[in-house]
């Protein structure tokens, strides 16, 4: 690890230790990475018997008051430097964030990997940084590495065949401690909980011709390959043998490359097979067993206004908080199903370079998830980005914009996060995010102008 970056982590540790008898407050983002980040640092402080408070917020809900004597921002802060300088310039603040920063220098202690040659989009997540800080606090905190893997996967940093960079180092720590198993696997969601045919039915990036969206066709495909769907119970991907996985992967790849444009064919294998991460301390059919499913559970908590539930589950609570988490996951899926029906009734508008739908009535916390699922429908073009918009719950004069695209477009060079940021700022809004998934906030009267500018900005990559 870069020596200057290590020194910065040590400075953050020293500031925390110096403030151990003061009021320390952790403020973290409400998504899977943010919840994981907070739980890691909170556990590390618990072990040192350092009292602290934890607060969760969305990126558009930065606090205007009530900071601690020392405030630690996790998975956020680098993109809000201007606000923090204007509102809290004299405060003692540590920022631990993997998002691209606004300023090369700030009055705060900013731990940001992008300033040291590491990619905050691919090589380390917010929870990874929180873990590295926890190691500075005590080298015995290696057992917190598994939570950092959940955060990284939740931040889509394992989407390209496997974790790399600092994430890889953290993964090796988790394997060394016996907490995580990494293996070459089918990249089908629901490895531990969904019947195989359901995982196939909902696989949409890239879509499997004749299979995606059809449970009967998914079952027929498995039967044709001699892969049992049911043996006393519905089999999951984690129940499959290595030979079965190879056989299914070969057939998915064969079907898919026949349907995608020539320029994408070389990318298909790495989108079908990659690395999976199992948390070995969790029950085999638990939604917490697979890192990707665990991350979905945390997102369900955040999107339903209960990030603290995921926080306590990450910290080891498997009692009442786990039960609440399962209920929130169920509610999350019900909300998504209702939203999908709403989009189906309205339809998707096709433009030359992208497609969009009016998400009015859909909660702004899940409109991005809905956009991802709509992109997998038969009525959309999987090779064009999709944009959705809905009004903010706390400000009806602002549209929350979410954009999603296939990983194929990212491999081709499209960075939606960069383009949506530029487009939003040109109409007086703000935005950002990752190459395949991002969001923005724009004045409601500027929507049409924003969409036109966005199309112009992405045109060269489509």
Foldseek 3Di string as FASTA:
>chain_A
DDPVLLVLLLVVLVVCVVCLVWEEEEEFEQALLRLLLVLLLVLLCVVVVRDYYYHYDHQVCDDLDDHTLEYEYFQDDQDCQVVCCVRPVPHAYEYQHADDHDDLDHSYSYNYCVNVPDHSLAAAGRNLSSQSSSCSSPVVSLCSLVSRLLSCVLQVNQQQQGHDHSNVVSVVSCVVVVFKDKDKFFPFPLQQADQQLVSQCQDVLPNQPPRHVDSVSSVVVCVVLVHDQDDPHGHGRPNDDPVSRVSVLVVSLVRVLVPDPPVLNVRPSSNGIHMWMAGVVDDRNDLCGTSPSLSLLSLLCSLVPRNVLNSVVSNPDPPPSVVVSVVSSVVSVVLLVVQLVVCVVFDWADDPAAIETESEVRALSCPQVSLVSVCRDPRHDQQHKYKYWYAHPVGNQKIKIKIFHRVSLVVLPAALQVLLQVLQVVQPWGWGGGRGIIIIIHGPVCVVVSVVSSSVSCVVSD
